Amino acid sequence: MPQTADIAAHTADATGSDTARTALVVLAHHRADSLSAHIAERAVARLTAAGYAIDLLDLHRENFDPRMTEADQPDWGDREKQYSPVVESHMRRVLAADVVVVVFPVYWQSVPAILKGWIDSVWNYGFAYGRSKPRLAGKRILWLGLAGATADDAILPGMQQLLDAQLNDSIATYCGFSESRVGLLPDAEESPQTLDDEGNLVIGDAISGAARVAHYAAFDARAEGFVDEFLAATLVNA
């Protein structure tokens, strides 16, 4: 696997100039001090080191309203419809990005409401789909989902399958992305959560001290590994 410095060098060579490509990093968490926000920062650092200019979209900090409005309701008879100014501005940000990285906590084996609303309103008819050649054709996307389930939880394979089907197949591929990957990151909670044989939630003891440091260092490494593999695939595809 190429190291970050190697990726940056190859990025410049592939483009033929020092002009940075753009990465749109989307964060869908309501707390600035969350693990999701931290992982978004780690992703930004890896992408920056690889030569990407960063557009960081923090949906909560930018007060994105996930509720569908009449102004942003698709008009099946007019794929050239002008949507609301807010949605049009988000469309331009997606269009300007070479790659998109989305960071979110996994809720009910899916994405949070604010992220789903962003997709509903921004990835809209005439823009993300509804054309023989989608405007987003050729772009690549990485979804980083943080899950409270432990790595040995029996729910993990099904969760991965559901997220792959929802995000890769039903959304990204449908909208013309050339590649979409889901990086599922279990063990996000410092107090492990499991279900007993009767279906009751069991919360274990919180990890602390050196064990906690090691746990989250490994968590960071897994997240960064997903980003590095994603960038390495960009070089191969180029």
Protein backbone atom coordinates (compact mmCIF):
# COMPACT_ATOMS: atom_id res chain seq x y z
CA MET A 1 0.00 0.00 0.00
CA PRO A 2 1.44 3.44 -0.89
CA GLN A 3 2.40 5.64 2.04
CA THR A 4 0.80 9.08 2.34
CA ALA A 5 3.81 10.90 0.89
CA ASP A 6 3.87 8.50 -2.05
CA ILE A 7 0.18 9.08 -2.68
CA ALA A 8 0.71 12.85 -2.70
CA ALA A 9 3.55 12.53 -5.20
CA HIS A 10 1.53 10.25 -7.46
CA THR A 11 -1.43 12.62 -7.23
CA ALA A 12 0.65 15.46 -8.63
CA ASP A 13 2.05 13.20 -11.35
CA ALA A 14 -1.39 11.95 -12.38
CA THR A 15 -2.80 15.44 -12.79
CA GLY A 16 0.29 16.77 -14.50
CA SER A 17 0.41 19.76 -12.17
CA ASP A 18 0.49 20.76 -8.52
CA THR A 19 -3.18 21.75 -8.64
CA ALA A 20 -4.87 19.93 -5.78
CA ARG A 21 -7.91 17.86 -6.37
CA THR A 22 -10.82 18.51 -4.06
CA ALA A 23 -12.26 16.26 -1.37
CA LEU A 24 -15.64 17.00 0.15
CA VAL A 25 -15.66 15.66 3.72
CA VAL A 26 -19.18 15.48 5.15
CA LEU A 27 -19.69 15.15 8.92
CA ALA A 28 -23.08 14.13 10.30
CA HIS A 29 -22.85 14.41 14.08
CA HIS A 30 -24.39 16.96 16.43
CA ARG A 31 -21.40 17.20 18.80
CA ALA A 32 -18.12 18.87 17.90
CA ASP A 33 -16.33 16.75 20.52
CA SER A 34 -17.69 13.44 19.21
CA LEU A 35 -15.63 10.50 18.01
CA SER A 36 -17.25 11.02 14.59
CA ALA A 37 -15.90 14.59 14.48
CA HIS A 38 -12.47 13.30 15.50
CA ILE A 39 -12.50 10.70 12.72
CA ALA A 40 -13.54 13.39 10.24
CA GLU A 41 -10.48 15.37 11.34
CA ARG A 42 -8.26 12.30 10.82
CA ALA A 43 -9.73 11.84 7.35
CA VAL A 44 -9.08 15.51 6.54
CA ALA A 45 -5.47 15.10 7.66
CA ARG A 46 -4.93 12.04 5.43
CA LEU A 47 -6.56 13.68 2.43
CA THR A 48 -4.61 16.90 2.93
CA ALA A 49 -1.34 14.98 3.14
CA ALA A 50 -2.30 13.22 -0.08
CA GLY A 51 -2.60 16.55 -1.88
CA TYR A 52 -6.33 17.21 -1.74
CA ALA A 53 -7.89 20.59 -1.11
CA ILE A 54 -10.57 20.09 1.55
CA ASP A 55 -14.15 21.29 1.63
CA LEU A 56 -15.41 20.33 5.11
CA LEU A 57 -19.18 20.18 5.35
CA ASP A 58 -20.32 19.87 8.98
CA LEU A 59 -24.07 19.47 8.52
CA HIS A 60 -24.97 20.47 12.08
CA ARG A 61 -22.62 23.45 12.30
CA GLU A 62 -23.96 24.72 9.00
CA ASN A 63 -27.52 24.23 10.31
CA PHE A 64 -28.60 22.12 7.39
CA ASP A 65 -32.34 21.47 7.60
CA PRO A 66 -33.02 17.85 6.64
CA ARG A 67 -36.75 18.36 6.14
CA MET A 68 -37.97 18.19 2.56
CA THR A 69 -39.63 21.38 1.34
CA GLU A 70 -41.82 22.15 -1.63
CA ALA A 71 -38.97 24.15 -3.15
CA ASP A 72 -36.77 21.04 -3.11
CA GLN A 73 -39.37 18.47 -4.04
CA PRO A 74 -38.40 16.88 -7.37
CA ASP A 75 -40.47 17.80 -10.40
CA TRP A 76 -40.58 14.70 -12.58
CA GLY A 77 -41.56 16.83 -15.56
CA ASP A 78 -38.64 19.24 -15.21
CA ARG A 79 -35.18 17.87 -14.58
CA GLU A 80 -33.78 21.39 -15.00
CA LYS A 81 -35.72 22.63 -11.97
CA GLN A 82 -33.94 25.25 -9.87
CA TYR A 83 -34.00 24.12 -6.27
CA SER A 84 -33.70 26.31 -3.17
CA PRO A 85 -30.55 28.48 -2.92
CA VAL A 86 -29.26 26.35 -0.02
CA VAL A 87 -29.66 23.09 -1.90
CA GLU A 88 -28.21 24.57 -5.09
CA SER A 89 -25.12 25.67 -3.11
CA HIS A 90 -24.70 22.16 -1.74
CA MET A 91 -25.08 20.73 -5.23
CA ARG A 92 -22.22 22.93 -6.40
CA ARG A 93 -20.03 21.66 -3.56
CA VAL A 94 -20.71 18.04 -4.46
CA LEU A 95 -20.12 18.77 -8.14
CA ALA A 96 -16.78 20.45 -7.39
CA ALA A 97 -15.45 17.47 -5.44
CA ASP A 98 -13.32 14.76 -7.01
CA VAL A 99 -13.91 12.47 -4.05
CA VAL A 100 -16.42 12.52 -1.20
CA VAL A 101 -15.83 11.13 2.30
CA VAL A 102 -18.84 10.91 4.62
CA VAL A 103 -18.42 10.33 8.37
CA PHE A 104 -21.42 9.41 10.49
CA PRO A 105 -22.58 7.40 13.51
CA VAL A 106 -24.60 4.33 12.57
CA TYR A 107 -28.18 4.69 13.82
CA TRP A 108 -30.50 1.68 13.49
CA GLN A 109 -28.11 0.18 10.93
CA SER A 110 -28.51 3.27 8.76
CA VAL A 111 -27.47 6.93 8.62
CA PRO A 112 -28.65 9.77 10.92
CA ALA A 113 -31.68 11.79 9.87
CA ILE A 114 -29.64 14.87 8.98
CA LEU A 115 -27.51 12.88 6.53
CA LYS A 116 -30.53 11.14 5.02
CA GLY A 117 -32.23 14.52 4.60
CA TRP A 118 -29.11 15.94 2.94
CA ILE A 119 -29.11 13.08 0.46
CA ASP A 120 -32.87 13.42 -0.13
CA SER A 121 -32.68 17.15 -0.86
CA VAL A 122 -29.26 17.58 -2.47
CA TRP A 123 -28.85 14.34 -4.42
CA ASN A 124 -32.00 15.30 -6.28
CA TYR A 125 -33.66 14.62 -9.61
CA GLY A 126 -31.90 16.19 -12.56
CA PHE A 127 -28.72 16.64 -10.55
CA ALA A 128 -27.72 13.28 -9.09
CA TYR A 129 -29.98 11.09 -11.21
CA GLY A 130 -32.45 11.32 -14.08
CA ARG A 131 -29.96 11.76 -16.94
CA SER A 132 -28.44 9.22 -19.30
CA LYS A 133 -25.04 10.45 -18.12
CA PRO A 134 -25.27 11.48 -14.46
CA ARG A 135 -23.56 14.73 -13.53
CA LEU A 136 -21.79 12.86 -10.72
CA ALA A 137 -20.42 10.21 -13.07
CA GLY A 138 -16.85 9.22 -12.30
CA LYS A 139 -16.74 10.55 -8.76
CA ARG A 140 -15.76 8.26 -5.88
CA ILE A 141 -17.13 8.12 -2.36
CA LEU A 142 -16.12 6.59 0.96
CA TRP A 143 -18.63 6.20 3.79
CA LEU A 144 -17.14 5.86 7.30
CA GLY A 145 -19.77 4.58 9.71
CA LEU A 146 -19.03 4.45 13.44
CA ALA A 147 -20.92 1.70 15.25
CA GLY A 148 -21.38 1.11 18.97
CA ALA A 149 -21.54 -2.64 18.42
CA THR A 150 -18.44 -4.59 19.38
CA ALA A 151 -16.28 -6.17 16.69
CA ASP A 152 -17.37 -9.68 17.73
CA ASP A 153 -21.08 -8.84 17.77
CA ALA A 154 -23.09 -11.16 15.54
CA ILE A 155 -24.92 -8.13 14.13
CA LEU A 156 -21.83 -6.79 12.32
CA PRO A 157 -22.02 -8.84 9.07
CA GLY A 158 -25.69 -7.96 8.61
CA MET A 159 -24.99 -4.30 9.39
CA GLN A 160 -22.23 -4.22 6.78
CA GLN A 161 -24.53 -5.85 4.24
CA LEU A 162 -27.34 -3.37 4.91
CA LEU A 163 -25.05 -0.34 4.66
CA ASP A 164 -23.46 -1.67 1.47
CA ALA A 165 -26.90 -2.14 -0.09
CA GLN A 166 -28.23 1.25 1.03
CA LEU A 167 -25.21 3.46 0.42
CA ASN A 168 -23.28 1.71 -2.34
CA ASP A 169 -25.97 0.09 -4.46
CA SER A 170 -29.15 2.08 -3.83
CA ILE A 171 -27.59 5.57 -3.68
CA ALA A 172 -24.04 6.02 -4.97
CA THR A 173 -24.10 3.60 -7.90
CA TYR A 174 -27.60 4.78 -8.85
CA CYS A 175 -26.25 8.35 -8.96
CA GLY A 176 -23.33 7.51 -11.24
CA PHE A 177 -20.42 7.25 -8.80
CA SER A 178 -17.72 5.05 -10.27
CA GLU A 179 -16.90 3.59 -6.87
CA SER A 180 -18.50 3.57 -3.43
CA ARG A 181 -17.13 1.90 -0.29
CA VAL A 182 -18.44 1.54 3.24
CA GLY A 183 -15.84 1.45 6.00
CA LEU A 184 -17.64 0.11 9.08
CA LEU A 185 -15.92 0.97 12.37
CA PRO A 186 -17.24 -1.04 15.34
CA ASP A 187 -16.16 -0.58 18.98
CA ALA A 188 -16.92 3.15 18.90
CA GLU A 189 -18.27 3.11 22.48
CA GLU A 190 -15.82 3.07 25.38
CA SER A 191 -18.36 1.00 27.34
CA PRO A 192 -19.05 -2.16 25.29
CA GLN A 193 -22.71 -2.76 24.51
CA THR A 194 -24.12 -6.25 24.02
CA LEU A 195 -27.44 -8.07 24.25
CA ASP A 196 -27.95 -11.03 26.57
CA ASP A 197 -29.86 -14.17 25.61
CA GLU A 198 -33.14 -12.50 26.59
CA GLY A 199 -32.51 -9.40 24.49
CA ASN A 200 -31.60 -7.07 27.35
CA LEU A 201 -28.96 -4.41 26.76
CA VAL A 202 -25.81 -5.06 28.78
CA ILE A 203 -23.34 -2.20 29.15
CA GLY A 204 -19.88 -3.31 30.21
CA ASP A 205 -17.24 -1.44 32.17
CA ALA A 206 -15.72 1.57 30.46
CA ILE A 207 -12.16 1.15 29.33
CA SER A 208 -9.70 3.61 30.85
CA GLY A 209 -6.05 4.51 31.16
CA ALA A 210 -3.56 2.82 28.86
CA ALA A 211 -6.18 0.38 27.58
CA ARG A 212 -8.36 3.28 26.43
CA VAL A 213 -5.43 4.99 24.69
CA ALA A 214 -4.54 1.76 22.89
CA HIS A 215 -8.17 1.10 21.96
CA TYR A 216 -8.66 4.45 20.26
CA ALA A 217 -5.22 4.41 18.65
CA ALA A 218 -6.28 1.16 16.97
CA PHE A 219 -9.63 2.73 16.07
CA ASP A 220 -7.87 5.69 14.43
CA ALA A 221 -5.61 3.32 12.54
CA ARG A 222 -8.56 1.37 11.14
CA ALA A 223 -10.27 4.57 10.01
CA GLU A 224 -7.09 5.91 8.43
CA GLY A 225 -6.59 2.53 6.77
CA PHE A 226 -9.94 2.85 5.02
CA VAL A 227 -8.95 6.32 3.76
CA ASP A 228 -5.51 5.15 2.61
CA GLU A 229 -6.96 2.15 0.77
CA PHE A 230 -9.49 4.44 -0.87
CA LEU A 231 -6.75 6.81 -2.04
CA ALA A 232 -4.53 3.95 -3.20
CA ALA A 233 -7.40 2.66 -5.35
CA THR A 234 -7.65 6.13 -6.90
CA LEU A 235 -4.06 5.76 -8.09
CA VAL A 236 -4.69 2.31 -9.52
CA ASN A 237 -7.83 3.48 -11.32
CA ALA A 238 -5.99 6.50 -12.72
